[in-house]
Amino acid sequence: MNNTITQEKLNSYFSITKEALAKAKEAFDTSRQEQAEDFFDMATRYYTDARYFVDTKEDMVLAFAALNYAHGWLDAGARIGLFKVTDNRLFTVD
C-alpha cells in the first residue's frame, strides 16, 4: 500500500496540472467563454494555492489536495465541453 506523498509524486502532479492548465487556456469554448473562464479561474486558484502550501507552509498534504481540486476543475470543464481538448492523458475525455 502506498500512502505517502513524496516530493517526486508532488512534482509529478504539479507538472501534469501545469501542462493541463496550459492546454485548457488555449481551448476555451468561445460560445461559453464566461463559464470556461470561471472553471479555468477556479483551477488556477487551486494550483496557486498548492504552490503556496508547499513553498510557504511546507505542507505537502494540503498541496496535493489542492492540486487534485485544480485538476478536478479542469476535468469537469473538459467533460462538459468548456475546454475543447482531446488529450486523454491530461483530461478525462474520449
C-alpha atoms as a PDB file:
ATOM      1  CA  MET A   1       0.000   0.000   0.000  1.00  0.00           C
ATOM      2  CA  ASN A   2       1.348   3.399  -0.986  1.00  0.00           C
ATOM      3  CA  ASN A   3       0.046   6.115   1.317  1.00  0.00           C
ATOM      4  CA  THR A   4       2.903   8.608   1.260  1.00  0.00           C
ATOM      5  CA  ILE A   5       3.055  11.888  -0.620  1.00  0.00           C
ATOM      6  CA  THR A   6       6.640  12.150  -1.777  1.00  0.00           C
ATOM      7  CA  GLN A   7       8.306  15.191  -3.283  1.00  0.00           C
ATOM      8  CA  GLU A   8       8.612  13.235  -6.550  1.00  0.00           C
ATOM      9  CA  LYS A   9       4.898  12.475  -6.601  1.00  0.00           C
ATOM     10  CA  LEU A  10       4.040  16.077  -5.785  1.00  0.00           C
ATOM     11  CA  ASN A  11       6.372  17.345  -8.519  1.00  0.00           C
ATOM     12  CA  SER A  12       4.704  14.987 -10.989  1.00  0.00           C
ATOM     13  CA  TYR A  13       1.243  16.298 -10.095  1.00  0.00           C
ATOM     14  CA  PHE A  14       2.440  19.910 -10.363  1.00  0.00           C
ATOM     15  CA  SER A  15       3.880  19.161 -13.788  1.00  0.00           C
ATOM     16  CA  ILE A  16       0.831  17.428 -15.229  1.00  0.00           C
ATOM     17  CA  THR A  17      -1.592  20.010 -13.808  1.00  0.00           C
ATOM     18  CA  LYS A  18       0.528  22.867 -15.170  1.00  0.00           C
ATOM     19  CA  GLU A  19       0.503  21.210 -18.588  1.00  0.00           C
ATOM     20  CA  ALA A  20      -3.271  20.696 -18.422  1.00  0.00           C
ATOM     21  CA  LEU A  21      -3.774  24.342 -17.431  1.00  0.00           C
ATOM     22  CA  ALA A  22      -1.782  25.473 -20.459  1.00  0.00           C
ATOM     23  CA  LYS A  23      -3.817  23.270 -22.819  1.00  0.00           C
ATOM     24  CA  ALA A  24      -7.155  24.315 -21.318  1.00  0.00           C
ATOM     25  CA  LYS A  25      -6.242  28.007 -21.531  1.00  0.00           C
ATOM     26  CA  GLU A  26      -5.919  27.687 -25.302  1.00  0.00           C
ATOM     27  CA  ALA A  27      -9.097  25.635 -25.738  1.00  0.00           C
ATOM     28  CA  PHE A  28     -11.998  27.635 -24.306  1.00  0.00           C
ATOM     29  CA  ASP A  29     -15.368  27.045 -25.943  1.00  0.00           C
ATOM     30  CA  THR A  30     -15.929  30.617 -27.124  1.00  0.00           C
ATOM     31  CA  SER A  31     -19.697  30.148 -27.139  1.00  0.00           C
ATOM     32  CA  ARG A  32     -19.464  29.608 -23.360  1.00  0.00           C
ATOM     33  CA  GLN A  33     -16.492  31.868 -22.697  1.00  0.00           C
ATOM     34  CA  GLU A  34     -17.690  33.124 -19.310  1.00  0.00           C
ATOM     35  CA  GLN A  35     -18.251  29.620 -17.949  1.00  0.00           C
ATOM     36  CA  ALA A  36     -14.924  28.399 -19.334  1.00  0.00           C
ATOM     37  CA  GLU A  37     -13.145  31.340 -17.728  1.00  0.00           C
ATOM     38  CA  ASP A  38     -14.851  30.598 -14.408  1.00  0.00           C
ATOM     39  CA  PHE A  39     -13.765  26.941 -14.393  1.00  0.00           C
ATOM     40  CA  PHE A  40     -10.261  27.905 -15.510  1.00  0.00           C
ATOM     41  CA  ASP A  41     -10.064  30.552 -12.784  1.00  0.00           C
ATOM     42  CA  MET A  42     -11.007  28.022 -10.113  1.00  0.00           C
ATOM     43  CA  ALA A  43      -8.402  25.557 -11.402  1.00  0.00           C
ATOM     44  CA  THR A  44      -5.765  28.275 -11.463  1.00  0.00           C
ATOM     45  CA  ARG A  45      -6.598  29.387  -7.931  1.00  0.00           C
ATOM     46  CA  TYR A  46      -6.262  25.846  -6.584  1.00  0.00           C
ATOM     47  CA  TYR A  47      -2.966  25.408  -8.458  1.00  0.00           C
ATOM     48  CA  THR A  48      -1.705  28.666  -6.930  1.00  0.00           C
ATOM     49  CA  ASP A  49      -2.874  27.511  -3.511  1.00  0.00           C
ATOM     50  CA  ALA A  50      -0.934  24.279  -3.974  1.00  0.00           C
ATOM     51  CA  ARG A  51       2.248  26.259  -4.707  1.00  0.00           C
ATOM     52  CA  TYR A  52       1.633  28.338  -1.576  1.00  0.00           C
ATOM     53  CA  PHE A  53       1.064  25.279   0.602  1.00  0.00           C
ATOM     54  CA  VAL A  54       4.263  23.602  -0.487  1.00  0.00           C
ATOM     55  CA  ASP A  55       6.530  26.661  -0.878  1.00  0.00           C
ATOM     56  CA  THR A  56       5.402  28.698   2.130  1.00  0.00           C
ATOM     57  CA  LYS A  57       3.794  26.279   4.546  1.00  0.00           C
ATOM     58  CA  GLU A  58       5.828  23.194   3.593  1.00  0.00           C
ATOM     59  CA  ASP A  59       2.569  21.245   3.712  1.00  0.00           C
ATOM     60  CA  MET A  60       2.691  18.578   1.036  1.00  0.00           C
ATOM     61  CA  VAL A  61      -0.667  17.092   2.044  1.00  0.00           C
ATOM     62  CA  LEU A  62      -2.608  20.315   1.502  1.00  0.00           C
ATOM     63  CA  ALA A  63      -0.619  20.982  -1.682  1.00  0.00           C
ATOM     64  CA  PHE A  64      -1.508  17.544  -3.016  1.00  0.00           C
ATOM     65  CA  ALA A  65      -5.176  18.072  -2.163  1.00  0.00           C
ATOM     66  CA  ALA A  66      -5.234  21.478  -3.869  1.00  0.00           C
ATOM     67  CA  LEU A  67      -3.635  20.017  -6.995  1.00  0.00           C
ATOM     68  CA  ASN A  68      -6.324  17.364  -7.142  1.00  0.00           C
ATOM     69  CA  TYR A  69      -9.023  20.017  -6.861  1.00  0.00           C
ATOM     70  CA  ALA A  70      -7.317  22.051  -9.597  1.00  0.00           C
ATOM     71  CA  HIS A  71      -7.239  19.096 -11.920  1.00  0.00           C
ATOM     72  CA  GLY A  72     -10.799  18.200 -10.994  1.00  0.00           C
ATOM     73  CA  TRP A  73     -11.992  21.599 -12.209  1.00  0.00           C
ATOM     74  CA  LEU A  74     -10.080  21.090 -15.458  1.00  0.00           C
ATOM     75  CA  ASP A  75     -11.508  17.604 -15.948  1.00  0.00           C
ATOM     76  CA  ALA A  76     -15.033  18.775 -15.212  1.00  0.00           C
ATOM     77  CA  GLY A  77     -14.656  21.638 -17.680  1.00  0.00           C
ATOM     78  CA  ALA A  78     -13.344  19.266 -20.320  1.00  0.00           C
ATOM     79  CA  ARG A  79     -16.126  16.728 -19.737  1.00  0.00           C
ATOM     80  CA  ILE A  80     -18.878  19.301 -20.174  1.00  0.00           C
ATOM     81  CA  GLY A  81     -17.177  20.836 -23.200  1.00  0.00           C
ATOM     82  CA  LEU A  82     -15.988  24.147 -21.766  1.00  0.00           C
ATOM     83  CA  PHE A  83     -12.472  23.234 -22.840  1.00  0.00           C
ATOM     84  CA  LYS A  84     -12.211  21.772 -26.338  1.00  0.00           C
ATOM     85  CA  VAL A  85      -9.447  19.283 -25.566  1.00  0.00           C
ATOM     86  CA  THR A  86      -8.822  15.758 -26.796  1.00  0.00           C
ATOM     87  CA  ASP A  87      -5.746  14.771 -24.792  1.00  0.00           C
ATOM     88  CA  ASN A  88      -6.922  11.817 -22.706  1.00  0.00           C
ATOM     89  CA  ARG A  89      -3.575  11.717 -20.894  1.00  0.00           C
ATOM     90  CA  LEU A  90      -4.290  15.103 -19.286  1.00  0.00           C
ATOM     91  CA  PHE A  91      -8.095  15.100 -19.209  1.00  0.00           C
ATOM     92  CA  THR A  92     -10.874  12.565 -18.742  1.00  0.00           C
ATOM     93  CA  VAL A  93     -12.098  12.794 -22.325  1.00  0.00           C
ATOM     94  CA  ASP A  94     -12.547  10.146 -25.001  1.00  0.00           C
END
